[in-house]
């Protein structure tokens, strides 16, 4: 009788420990299974424009945005003209373009911000917003371009800025939609159809 009582007590003790352990484990799983992760949007970024003034992407809420890295001495530089045409045709309350001069590819943007601004205005009549020169890849990559190129930050995909005039499309809620190859012209239906929908 004594042996049965001891065996029963041990069984109850182990059962209690098992239940306690199970509830602790499931509680741990429940708290780690649904972590609250808030992805950044482009509206979380502030940059400096080509004139040296602060530019807050939050001011573009509700607009689709085409972000493009530019260069003045590149075979693709004539895309400035098509970008300006795109801006004139669709720019306004629903769409804008934001250009970022960068010297990451073949040293094809060696100028200062003032030189770049003059070049864009004189040669292509650029009126869309141009920012100060930044780095779009490498160890000194600008935080905005880290967001554009890393899925862990943008929630969409990992992208490599392949060359000058690589384009990124941002929806009217500030989320990255996709990238567009540098050789794809600004007036390509990939871009114009996206703007119009």
N, C-alpha and C. Protein backbone atom coordinates (compact mmCIF):
# COMPACT_ATOMS: atom_id res chain seq x y z
N UNK A 1 0.82 -1.19 0.00
CA UNK A 1 0.00 0.00 0.00
C UNK A 1 0.87 1.25 0.00
N UNK A 2 1.92 1.20 0.83
CA UNK A 2 2.84 2.31 0.93
C UNK A 2 3.51 2.56 -0.42
N UNK A 3 3.90 1.45 -1.11
CA UNK A 3 4.56 1.53 -2.41
C UNK A 3 3.62 2.17 -3.44
N UNK A 4 2.35 1.82 -3.44
CA UNK A 4 1.36 2.36 -4.38
C UNK A 4 1.19 3.86 -4.15
N UNK A 5 1.14 4.26 -2.87
CA UNK A 5 0.99 5.67 -2.53
C UNK A 5 2.19 6.48 -3.01
N UNK A 6 3.39 5.98 -2.80
CA UNK A 6 4.61 6.68 -3.24
C UNK A 6 4.63 6.77 -4.76
N UNK A 7 4.30 5.65 -5.44
CA UNK A 7 4.27 5.65 -6.91
C UNK A 7 3.25 6.64 -7.43
N UNK A 8 2.09 6.68 -6.79
CA UNK A 8 1.03 7.62 -7.20
C UNK A 8 1.48 9.05 -7.00
N UNK A 9 2.17 9.31 -5.88
CA UNK A 9 2.65 10.67 -5.60
C UNK A 9 3.68 11.12 -6.61
N UNK A 10 4.59 10.20 -6.98
CA UNK A 10 5.61 10.52 -7.99
C UNK A 10 4.95 10.81 -9.33
N UNK A 11 3.95 10.01 -9.67
CA UNK A 11 3.23 10.20 -10.93
C UNK A 11 2.55 11.56 -10.97
N UNK A 12 1.90 11.93 -9.88
CA UNK A 12 1.23 13.24 -9.79
C UNK A 12 2.27 14.36 -9.91
N UNK A 13 3.41 14.20 -9.23
CA UNK A 13 4.47 15.20 -9.27
C UNK A 13 4.98 15.39 -10.68
N UNK A 14 5.28 14.30 -11.40
CA UNK A 14 5.77 14.39 -12.78
C UNK A 14 4.71 14.99 -13.71
N UNK A 15 3.45 14.62 -13.48
CA UNK A 15 2.37 15.17 -14.30
C UNK A 15 2.29 16.68 -14.13
N UNK A 16 2.41 17.11 -12.88
CA UNK A 16 2.37 18.55 -12.60
C UNK A 16 3.53 19.28 -13.26
N UNK A 17 4.72 18.70 -13.17
CA UNK A 17 5.90 19.31 -13.81
C UNK A 17 5.74 19.37 -15.32
N UNK A 18 5.19 18.29 -15.90
CA UNK A 18 4.99 18.24 -17.35
C UNK A 18 4.01 19.34 -17.80
N UNK A 19 2.91 19.48 -17.07
CA UNK A 19 1.91 20.50 -17.40
C UNK A 19 2.50 21.89 -17.24
N UNK A 20 3.23 22.12 -16.16
CA UNK A 20 3.87 23.40 -15.92
C UNK A 20 4.87 23.73 -17.02
N UNK A 21 5.69 22.74 -17.38
CA UNK A 21 6.68 22.93 -18.43
C UNK A 21 6.01 23.21 -19.77
N UNK A 22 4.93 22.49 -20.08
CA UNK A 22 4.21 22.67 -21.34
C UNK A 22 3.64 24.07 -21.44
N UNK A 23 3.05 24.55 -20.33
CA UNK A 23 2.45 25.88 -20.39
C UNK A 23 3.51 26.95 -20.52
N UNK A 24 4.66 26.77 -19.90
CA UNK A 24 5.76 27.73 -20.05
C UNK A 24 6.28 27.73 -21.47
N UNK A 25 6.45 26.54 -22.04
CA UNK A 25 6.96 26.43 -23.40
C UNK A 25 6.00 27.06 -24.39
N UNK A 26 4.70 26.75 -24.26
CA UNK A 26 3.75 27.30 -25.21
C UNK A 26 3.63 28.80 -25.05
N UNK A 27 3.81 29.31 -23.83
CA UNK A 27 3.78 30.74 -23.63
C UNK A 27 4.96 31.40 -24.34
N UNK A 28 6.12 30.75 -24.25
CA UNK A 28 7.32 31.27 -24.90
C UNK A 28 7.13 31.29 -26.41
N UNK A 29 6.56 30.23 -26.96
CA UNK A 29 6.32 30.15 -28.40
C UNK A 29 5.35 31.24 -28.83
N UNK A 30 4.31 31.44 -28.03
CA UNK A 30 3.30 32.44 -28.37
C UNK A 30 3.90 33.84 -28.44
N UNK A 31 4.84 34.14 -27.55
CA UNK A 31 5.40 35.49 -27.56
C UNK A 31 6.42 35.68 -28.66
N UNK A 32 7.08 34.62 -29.11
CA UNK A 32 8.08 34.78 -30.16
C UNK A 32 7.52 34.51 -31.55
N UNK A 33 6.35 33.87 -31.63
CA UNK A 33 5.79 33.53 -32.94
C UNK A 33 5.26 34.76 -33.67
N UNK A 34 4.79 35.76 -32.94
CA UNK A 34 4.22 36.95 -33.56
C UNK A 34 4.94 38.22 -33.13
N UNK A 35 6.21 38.36 -33.47
CA UNK A 35 6.89 39.60 -33.07
C UNK A 35 6.30 40.77 -33.85
N UNK A 36 6.19 41.90 -33.21
CA UNK A 36 5.66 43.08 -33.87
C UNK A 36 6.80 43.80 -34.57
N UNK A 37 6.82 43.71 -35.89
CA UNK A 37 7.85 44.36 -36.68
C UNK A 37 7.19 45.40 -37.55
N UNK A 38 7.58 46.64 -37.38
CA UNK A 38 7.05 47.70 -38.21
C UNK A 38 8.11 48.06 -39.24
N UNK A 39 7.80 47.79 -40.50
CA UNK A 39 8.74 48.10 -41.57
C UNK A 39 8.74 49.61 -41.80
N UNK A 40 9.90 50.14 -42.11
CA UNK A 40 10.00 51.55 -42.45
C UNK A 40 9.32 51.81 -43.79
N UNK A 41 8.94 53.05 -43.98
CA UNK A 41 8.51 53.50 -45.31
C UNK A 41 9.49 54.59 -45.72
N UNK A 42 9.36 55.05 -46.94
CA UNK A 42 10.25 56.13 -47.40
C UNK A 42 10.01 57.40 -46.61
N UNK A 43 8.82 57.51 -45.99
CA UNK A 43 8.50 58.71 -45.21
C UNK A 43 9.33 58.84 -43.94
N UNK A 44 10.05 57.79 -43.58
CA UNK A 44 10.92 57.84 -42.40
C UNK A 44 12.27 58.50 -42.69
N UNK A 45 12.49 58.89 -43.95
CA UNK A 45 13.81 59.41 -44.33
C UNK A 45 13.78 60.91 -44.60
N UNK A 46 14.85 61.55 -44.14
CA UNK A 46 15.09 62.96 -44.44
C UNK A 46 16.46 63.02 -45.10
N UNK A 47 16.56 63.79 -46.15
CA UNK A 47 17.82 63.92 -46.88
C UNK A 47 18.10 65.41 -47.09
N UNK A 48 19.17 65.70 -47.81
CA UNK A 48 19.52 67.08 -48.14
C UNK A 48 19.39 67.26 -49.64
N UNK A 49 18.70 68.33 -50.05
CA UNK A 49 18.54 68.54 -51.49
C UNK A 49 19.79 69.16 -52.09
N UNK A 50 19.79 69.33 -53.39
CA UNK A 50 20.99 69.79 -54.10
C UNK A 50 21.38 71.22 -53.72
N UNK A 51 20.43 71.97 -53.12
CA UNK A 51 20.71 73.34 -52.67
C UNK A 51 21.20 73.39 -51.23
N UNK A 52 21.24 72.22 -50.57
CA UNK A 52 21.69 72.17 -49.18
C UNK A 52 20.58 72.28 -48.16
N UNK A 53 19.33 72.28 -48.62
CA UNK A 53 18.18 72.37 -47.71
C UNK A 53 17.68 70.99 -47.32
N UNK A 54 17.02 70.92 -46.17
CA UNK A 54 16.45 69.65 -45.71
C UNK A 54 15.28 69.26 -46.61
N UNK A 55 15.20 67.97 -46.91
CA UNK A 55 14.10 67.43 -47.73
C UNK A 55 13.53 66.24 -46.98
N UNK A 56 12.27 66.35 -46.59
CA UNK A 56 11.60 65.31 -45.82
C UNK A 56 10.67 64.52 -46.74
N UNK A 57 10.93 63.22 -46.89
CA UNK A 57 10.09 62.41 -47.76
C UNK A 57 8.64 62.35 -47.28
N UNK A 58 8.41 62.65 -46.01
CA UNK A 58 7.03 62.68 -45.49
C UNK A 58 6.19 63.73 -46.21
N UNK A 59 6.86 64.73 -46.81
CA UNK A 59 6.14 65.77 -47.56
C UNK A 59 5.54 65.23 -48.86
N UNK A 60 5.91 64.00 -49.24
CA UNK A 60 5.42 63.40 -50.48
C UNK A 60 4.31 62.38 -50.24
N UNK A 61 3.76 62.34 -49.04
CA UNK A 61 2.70 61.36 -48.73
C UNK A 61 1.57 61.47 -49.75
N UNK A 62 1.11 60.30 -50.20
CA UNK A 62 0.02 60.26 -51.17
C UNK A 62 0.47 60.25 -52.62
N UNK A 63 1.77 60.42 -52.86
CA UNK A 63 2.31 60.43 -54.23
C UNK A 63 3.08 59.15 -54.51
N UNK A 64 3.01 58.69 -55.75
CA UNK A 64 3.93 57.66 -56.21
C UNK A 64 5.26 58.37 -56.46
N UNK A 65 6.36 57.67 -56.16
CA UNK A 65 7.69 58.28 -56.27
C UNK A 65 8.61 57.37 -57.08
N UNK A 66 9.31 57.95 -58.02
CA UNK A 66 10.38 57.24 -58.73
C UNK A 66 11.69 57.80 -58.18
N UNK A 67 12.48 56.95 -57.54
CA UNK A 67 13.79 57.33 -57.02
C UNK A 67 14.83 56.81 -57.99
N UNK A 68 15.78 57.68 -58.38
CA UNK A 68 16.78 57.30 -59.38
C UNK A 68 18.14 57.88 -59.02
N UNK A 69 19.20 57.07 -59.16
CA UNK A 69 20.55 57.58 -58.99
C UNK A 69 21.05 58.06 -60.36
N UNK A 70 21.67 59.23 -60.38
CA UNK A 70 22.02 59.87 -61.65
C UNK A 70 23.52 60.13 -61.76
N UNK A 71 23.95 60.43 -62.98
CA UNK A 71 25.35 60.78 -63.24
C UNK A 71 25.41 61.64 -64.50
N UNK A 72 26.33 62.58 -64.52
CA UNK A 72 26.44 63.54 -65.63
C UNK A 72 27.31 63.08 -66.78
N UNK A 73 28.18 62.10 -66.55
CA UNK A 73 29.14 61.68 -67.58
C UNK A 73 28.97 60.21 -67.94
N UNK A 74 27.74 59.78 -68.09
CA UNK A 74 27.42 58.38 -68.34
C UNK A 74 26.72 58.25 -69.69
N UNK A 75 26.86 57.10 -70.31
CA UNK A 75 26.15 56.86 -71.56
C UNK A 75 24.64 56.91 -71.39
N UNK A 76 24.17 56.74 -70.15
CA UNK A 76 22.73 56.80 -69.88
C UNK A 76 22.26 58.19 -69.45
N UNK A 77 23.18 59.16 -69.40
CA UNK A 77 22.83 60.51 -68.97
C UNK A 77 21.67 61.13 -69.75
N UNK A 78 21.51 60.84 -71.06
CA UNK A 78 20.34 61.39 -71.77
C UNK A 78 18.99 60.98 -71.17
N UNK A 79 18.99 60.02 -70.26
CA UNK A 79 17.73 59.68 -69.58
C UNK A 79 17.19 60.86 -68.76
N UNK A 80 18.05 61.82 -68.43
CA UNK A 80 17.57 63.03 -67.75
C UNK A 80 16.43 63.66 -68.54
N UNK A 81 16.59 63.70 -69.86
CA UNK A 81 15.58 64.32 -70.72
C UNK A 81 14.25 63.58 -70.60
N UNK A 82 14.30 62.25 -70.64
CA UNK A 82 13.07 61.46 -70.53
C UNK A 82 12.49 61.51 -69.12
N UNK A 83 13.35 61.58 -68.12
CA UNK A 83 12.85 61.73 -66.75
C UNK A 83 12.10 63.05 -66.61
N UNK A 84 12.66 64.11 -67.17
CA UNK A 84 12.00 65.42 -67.11
C UNK A 84 10.67 65.40 -67.86
N UNK A 85 10.64 64.74 -69.01
CA UNK A 85 9.40 64.60 -69.77
C UNK A 85 8.35 63.83 -68.96
N UNK A 86 8.79 62.75 -68.32
CA UNK A 86 7.90 61.96 -67.46
C UNK A 86 7.34 62.83 -66.32
N UNK A 87 8.21 63.63 -65.74
CA UNK A 87 7.82 64.51 -64.64
C UNK A 87 6.81 65.55 -65.12
N UNK A 88 7.04 66.12 -66.29
CA UNK A 88 6.12 67.13 -66.84
C UNK A 88 4.77 66.51 -67.19
N UNK A 89 4.78 65.28 -67.68
CA UNK A 89 3.53 64.62 -68.08
C UNK A 89 2.71 64.11 -66.90
N UNK A 90 3.38 63.63 -65.86
CA UNK A 90 2.66 62.96 -64.76
C UNK A 90 2.87 63.60 -63.39
N UNK A 91 3.88 64.46 -63.27
CA UNK A 91 4.20 65.04 -61.97
C UNK A 91 3.10 65.94 -61.46
N UNK A 92 3.05 66.07 -60.15
CA UNK A 92 2.01 66.89 -59.53
C UNK A 92 1.55 66.26 -58.24
N UNK A 93 0.22 66.19 -58.06
CA UNK A 93 -0.34 65.67 -56.81
C UNK A 93 -0.19 64.17 -56.64
N UNK A 94 -0.02 63.43 -57.75
CA UNK A 94 -0.04 61.97 -57.69
C UNK A 94 1.31 61.30 -57.93
N UNK A 95 2.29 62.03 -58.47
CA UNK A 95 3.57 61.42 -58.85
C UNK A 95 4.70 62.44 -58.81
N UNK A 96 5.88 61.96 -58.43
CA UNK A 96 7.08 62.79 -58.52
C UNK A 96 8.31 61.92 -58.75
N UNK A 97 9.38 62.56 -59.10
CA UNK A 97 10.69 61.91 -59.30
C UNK A 97 11.66 62.56 -58.32
N UNK A 98 12.52 61.77 -57.72
CA UNK A 98 13.57 62.30 -56.85
C UNK A 98 14.89 61.71 -57.33
N UNK A 99 15.79 62.61 -57.76
CA UNK A 99 17.09 62.19 -58.28
C UNK A 99 18.20 62.31 -57.25
N UNK A 100 19.08 61.31 -57.25
CA UNK A 100 20.23 61.30 -56.35
C UNK A 100 21.52 61.15 -57.15
N UNK A 101 22.26 62.24 -57.38
CA UNK A 101 23.56 62.11 -58.03
C UNK A 101 24.47 61.20 -57.21
N UNK A 102 25.21 60.34 -57.90
CA UNK A 102 26.12 59.41 -57.21
C UNK A 102 27.33 59.13 -58.10
N UNK A 103 28.47 58.98 -57.47
CA UNK A 103 29.73 58.78 -58.19
C UNK A 103 30.23 57.35 -58.04
N UNK A 104 29.33 56.40 -57.84
CA UNK A 104 29.71 55.01 -57.56
C UNK A 104 30.13 54.21 -58.77
N UNK A 105 29.77 54.64 -59.96
CA UNK A 105 30.01 53.83 -61.15
C UNK A 105 30.91 54.58 -62.14
N UNK A 106 32.13 54.09 -62.28
CA UNK A 106 33.07 54.66 -63.25
C UNK A 106 33.42 56.11 -63.01
N UNK A 107 33.24 56.57 -61.77
CA UNK A 107 33.54 57.98 -61.44
C UNK A 107 32.84 58.93 -62.43
N UNK A 108 31.59 58.62 -62.76
CA UNK A 108 30.88 59.37 -63.79
C UNK A 108 30.04 60.53 -63.25
N UNK A 109 30.17 60.79 -61.96
CA UNK A 109 29.55 61.99 -61.38
C UNK A 109 30.56 62.67 -60.46
N UNK A 110 31.62 63.27 -61.07
CA UNK A 110 32.68 63.86 -60.26
C UNK A 110 32.37 65.26 -59.74
N UNK A 111 31.32 65.90 -60.26
CA UNK A 111 31.05 67.30 -59.95
C UNK A 111 30.55 67.55 -58.54
N UNK A 112 30.59 68.84 -58.17
CA UNK A 112 30.01 69.29 -56.91
C UNK A 112 28.50 69.41 -57.10
N UNK A 113 27.79 69.61 -56.01
CA UNK A 113 26.34 69.79 -56.13
C UNK A 113 25.99 70.97 -57.03
N UNK A 114 26.72 72.08 -56.91
CA UNK A 114 26.45 73.25 -57.76
C UNK A 114 26.70 72.93 -59.23
N UNK A 115 27.79 72.22 -59.51
CA UNK A 115 28.10 71.85 -60.90
C UNK A 115 27.03 70.90 -61.47
N UNK A 116 26.58 69.96 -60.66
CA UNK A 116 25.55 69.01 -61.10
C UNK A 116 24.25 69.75 -61.38
N UNK A 117 23.88 70.65 -60.48
CA UNK A 117 22.64 71.43 -60.64
C UNK A 117 22.68 72.24 -61.93
N UNK A 118 23.80 72.91 -62.19
CA UNK A 118 23.95 73.70 -63.42
C UNK A 118 23.89 72.81 -64.64
N UNK A 119 24.57 71.68 -64.60
CA UNK A 119 24.57 70.74 -65.73
C UNK A 119 23.15 70.27 -66.05
N UNK A 120 22.42 69.86 -65.03
CA UNK A 120 21.06 69.34 -65.22
C UNK A 120 20.12 70.40 -65.78
N UNK A 121 20.25 71.60 -65.27
CA UNK A 121 19.38 72.69 -65.71
C UNK A 121 19.72 73.14 -67.13
N UNK A 122 21.00 73.34 -67.39
CA UNK A 122 21.44 73.86 -68.68
C UNK A 122 21.22 72.85 -69.81
N UNK A 123 21.54 71.59 -69.57
CA UNK A 123 21.50 70.59 -70.64
C UNK A 123 20.16 69.87 -70.80
N UNK A 124 19.41 69.74 -69.70
CA UNK A 124 18.18 68.94 -69.76
C UNK A 124 16.96 69.64 -69.17
N UNK A 125 17.12 70.85 -68.68
CA UNK A 125 15.99 71.59 -68.13
C UNK A 125 15.32 70.88 -66.96
N UNK A 126 16.11 70.20 -66.15
CA UNK A 126 15.56 69.40 -65.04
C UNK A 126 14.86 70.29 -64.01
N UNK A 127 13.60 69.95 -63.73
CA UNK A 127 12.84 70.67 -62.70
C UNK A 127 12.38 69.74 -61.58
N UNK A 128 12.53 68.42 -61.76
CA UNK A 128 12.13 67.51 -60.68
C UNK A 128 13.15 67.61 -59.55
N UNK A 129 12.76 67.27 -58.32
CA UNK A 129 13.66 67.42 -57.17
C UNK A 129 14.95 66.61 -57.31
N UNK A 130 16.06 67.30 -57.15
CA UNK A 130 17.39 66.68 -57.14
C UNK A 130 17.98 66.85 -55.75
N UNK A 131 18.59 65.78 -55.26
CA UNK A 131 19.18 65.80 -53.92
C UNK A 131 20.70 65.98 -54.01
N UNK A 132 21.32 66.16 -52.85
CA UNK A 132 22.78 66.24 -52.79
C UNK A 132 23.38 64.90 -53.17
N UNK A 133 24.61 64.95 -53.66
CA UNK A 133 25.31 63.73 -54.07
C UNK A 133 25.50 62.80 -52.88
N UNK A 134 25.24 61.50 -53.10
CA UNK A 134 25.38 60.49 -52.05
C UNK A 134 26.07 59.26 -52.63
N UNK A 135 26.29 58.27 -51.78
CA UNK A 135 26.77 56.96 -52.22
C UNK A 135 25.59 56.00 -52.18
N UNK A 136 25.39 55.26 -53.27
CA UNK A 136 24.24 54.36 -53.37
C UNK A 136 24.61 52.89 -53.14
N UNK A 137 25.88 52.62 -52.91
CA UNK A 137 26.31 51.24 -52.61
C UNK A 137 27.64 51.27 -51.87
N UNK A 138 28.04 50.12 -51.35
CA UNK A 138 29.33 50.04 -50.66
C UNK A 138 29.22 50.35 -49.17
N UNK A 139 30.38 50.47 -48.54
CA UNK A 139 30.45 50.70 -47.09
C UNK A 139 29.82 52.02 -46.67
N UNK A 140 29.86 53.01 -47.56
CA UNK A 140 29.31 54.33 -47.23
C UNK A 140 27.92 54.55 -47.84
N UNK A 141 27.21 53.46 -48.12
CA UNK A 141 25.88 53.54 -48.72
C UNK A 141 24.95 54.37 -47.83
N UNK A 142 24.24 55.30 -48.47
CA UNK A 142 23.30 56.16 -47.75
C UNK A 142 22.18 55.30 -47.14
N UNK A 143 21.68 55.66 -45.94
CA UNK A 143 20.62 54.89 -45.29
C UNK A 143 19.37 54.68 -46.17
N UNK A 144 19.01 55.67 -46.98
CA UNK A 144 17.85 55.50 -47.86
C UNK A 144 18.09 54.35 -48.84
N UNK A 145 19.30 54.28 -49.38
CA UNK A 145 19.61 53.21 -50.33
C UNK A 145 19.78 51.86 -49.64
N UNK A 146 20.13 51.87 -48.36
CA UNK A 146 20.12 50.61 -47.60
C UNK A 146 18.69 50.11 -47.52
N UNK A 147 17.77 51.01 -47.25
CA UNK A 147 16.36 50.64 -47.19
C UNK A 147 15.87 50.13 -48.55
N UNK A 148 16.24 50.81 -49.62
CA UNK A 148 15.80 50.42 -50.96
C UNK A 148 16.34 49.06 -51.38
N UNK A 149 17.52 48.68 -50.90
CA UNK A 149 18.20 47.49 -51.42
C UNK A 149 18.22 46.28 -50.48
N UNK A 150 17.69 46.41 -49.27
CA UNK A 150 17.73 45.29 -48.32
C UNK A 150 16.32 44.88 -47.89
N UNK A 151 15.97 43.65 -48.17
CA UNK A 151 14.64 43.13 -47.81
C UNK A 151 14.37 43.24 -46.32
N UNK A 152 15.41 43.09 -45.51
CA UNK A 152 15.23 43.19 -44.06
C UNK A 152 14.75 44.57 -43.65
N UNK A 153 14.95 45.56 -44.51
CA UNK A 153 14.51 46.93 -44.21
C UNK A 153 13.26 47.33 -44.99
N UNK A 154 13.15 46.89 -46.25
CA UNK A 154 12.02 47.33 -47.08
C UNK A 154 10.87 46.33 -47.13
N UNK A 155 11.12 45.08 -46.71
CA UNK A 155 10.08 44.07 -46.67
C UNK A 155 9.68 43.49 -48.02
N UNK A 156 10.34 43.91 -49.09
CA UNK A 156 9.96 43.48 -50.44
C UNK A 156 11.02 42.59 -51.08
N UNK A 157 12.26 43.08 -51.12
CA UNK A 157 13.30 42.29 -51.77
C UNK A 157 14.68 42.87 -51.59
N UNK A 158 15.67 42.05 -51.91
CA UNK A 158 17.07 42.48 -51.93
C UNK A 158 17.39 42.89 -53.36
N UNK A 159 17.90 44.09 -53.53
CA UNK A 159 18.23 44.61 -54.86
C UNK A 159 19.65 45.15 -54.86
N UNK A 160 20.28 45.04 -56.00
CA UNK A 160 21.61 45.63 -56.17
C UNK A 160 21.48 46.79 -57.14
N UNK A 161 22.03 47.95 -56.75
CA UNK A 161 22.06 49.08 -57.68
C UNK A 161 23.12 48.73 -58.71
N UNK A 162 22.68 48.47 -59.94
CA UNK A 162 23.58 47.92 -60.96
C UNK A 162 24.41 48.97 -61.68
N UNK A 163 23.88 50.18 -61.83
CA UNK A 163 24.59 51.22 -62.57
C UNK A 163 23.85 52.53 -62.34
N UNK A 164 24.33 53.59 -62.98
CA UNK A 164 23.63 54.87 -62.94
C UNK A 164 22.24 54.71 -63.56
N UNK A 165 21.30 55.47 -63.06
CA UNK A 165 19.91 55.49 -63.55
C UNK A 165 19.14 54.20 -63.23
N UNK A 166 19.53 53.55 -62.12
CA UNK A 166 18.74 52.44 -61.59
C UNK A 166 17.54 53.07 -60.88
N UNK A 167 16.36 52.56 -61.16
CA UNK A 167 15.14 53.19 -60.67
C UNK A 167 14.43 52.32 -59.63
N UNK A 168 13.81 52.99 -58.67
CA UNK A 168 13.00 52.32 -57.66
C UNK A 168 11.63 52.98 -57.63
N UNK A 169 10.58 52.16 -57.63
CA UNK A 169 9.21 52.66 -57.63
C UNK A 169 8.62 52.51 -56.23
N UNK A 170 8.10 53.62 -55.72
CA UNK A 170 7.52 53.68 -54.38
C UNK A 170 6.04 54.02 -54.51
N UNK A 171 5.18 53.27 -53.82
CA UNK A 171 3.74 53.54 -53.95
C UNK A 171 3.31 54.75 -53.12
N UNK A 172 2.03 55.09 -53.24
CA UNK A 172 1.51 56.29 -52.58
C UNK A 172 1.42 56.17 -51.06
N UNK A 173 1.75 55.00 -50.53
CA UNK A 173 1.81 54.81 -49.08
C UNK A 173 3.24 54.74 -48.56
N UNK A 174 4.20 55.00 -49.44
CA UNK A 174 5.60 55.03 -49.04
C UNK A 174 6.31 53.70 -49.04
N UNK A 175 5.67 52.65 -49.60
CA UNK A 175 6.28 51.32 -49.64
C UNK A 175 6.95 51.07 -50.98
N UNK A 176 8.07 50.38 -50.92
CA UNK A 176 8.77 49.98 -52.14
C UNK A 176 7.93 48.98 -52.92
N UNK A 177 7.81 49.20 -54.23
CA UNK A 177 7.07 48.28 -55.10
C UNK A 177 8.04 47.36 -55.83
N UNK A 178 9.04 47.96 -56.47
CA UNK A 178 10.00 47.17 -57.26
C UNK A 178 11.15 48.07 -57.71
N UNK A 179 12.16 47.44 -58.30
CA UNK A 179 13.23 48.20 -58.93
C UNK A 179 13.08 48.06 -60.44
N UNK A 180 13.74 48.96 -61.17
CA UNK A 180 13.71 48.95 -62.64
C UNK A 180 15.14 49.12 -63.12
N UNK A 181 15.55 48.24 -64.02
CA UNK A 181 16.91 48.21 -64.55
C UNK A 181 17.35 49.57 -65.11
N UNK A 182 18.63 49.93 -64.96
CA UNK A 182 19.12 51.21 -65.47
C UNK A 182 18.86 51.44 -66.97
N UNK A 183 18.92 50.38 -67.77
CA UNK A 183 18.74 50.55 -69.22
C UNK A 183 17.27 50.67 -69.64
N UNK A 184 16.36 50.40 -68.72
CA UNK A 184 14.94 50.60 -69.02
C UNK A 184 14.67 52.09 -69.00
N UNK A 185 14.16 52.60 -70.11
CA UNK A 185 13.96 54.04 -70.25
C UNK A 185 12.80 54.52 -69.38
N UNK A 186 12.86 55.77 -68.95
CA UNK A 186 11.79 56.31 -68.09
C UNK A 186 10.39 56.28 -68.71
N UNK A 187 10.32 56.27 -70.04
CA UNK A 187 8.99 56.25 -70.69
C UNK A 187 8.52 54.84 -71.02
N UNK A 188 9.20 53.83 -70.50
CA UNK A 188 8.81 52.44 -70.72
C UNK A 188 7.46 52.17 -70.04
N UNK A 189 6.61 51.33 -70.66
CA UNK A 189 5.31 51.00 -70.05
C UNK A 189 5.41 50.41 -68.63
N UNK A 190 6.53 49.77 -68.30
CA UNK A 190 6.71 49.28 -66.93
C UNK A 190 6.50 50.43 -65.94
N UNK A 191 7.00 51.59 -66.32
CA UNK A 191 6.91 52.77 -65.44
C UNK A 191 5.62 53.54 -65.68
N UNK A 192 5.30 53.85 -66.93
CA UNK A 192 4.12 54.68 -67.21
C UNK A 192 2.82 53.98 -66.81
N UNK A 193 2.72 52.68 -67.06
CA UNK A 193 1.51 51.95 -66.66
C UNK A 193 1.36 51.93 -65.15
N UNK A 194 2.48 51.80 -64.44
CA UNK A 194 2.45 51.82 -62.98
C UNK A 194 1.97 53.18 -62.46
N UNK A 195 2.45 54.26 -63.08
CA UNK A 195 2.04 55.60 -62.66
C UNK A 195 0.53 55.78 -62.85
N UNK A 196 0.03 55.31 -63.99
CA UNK A 196 -1.38 55.54 -64.35
C UNK A 196 -2.38 54.70 -63.57
N UNK A 197 -1.94 53.56 -63.02
CA UNK A 197 -2.94 52.70 -62.34
C UNK A 197 -3.24 53.16 -60.93
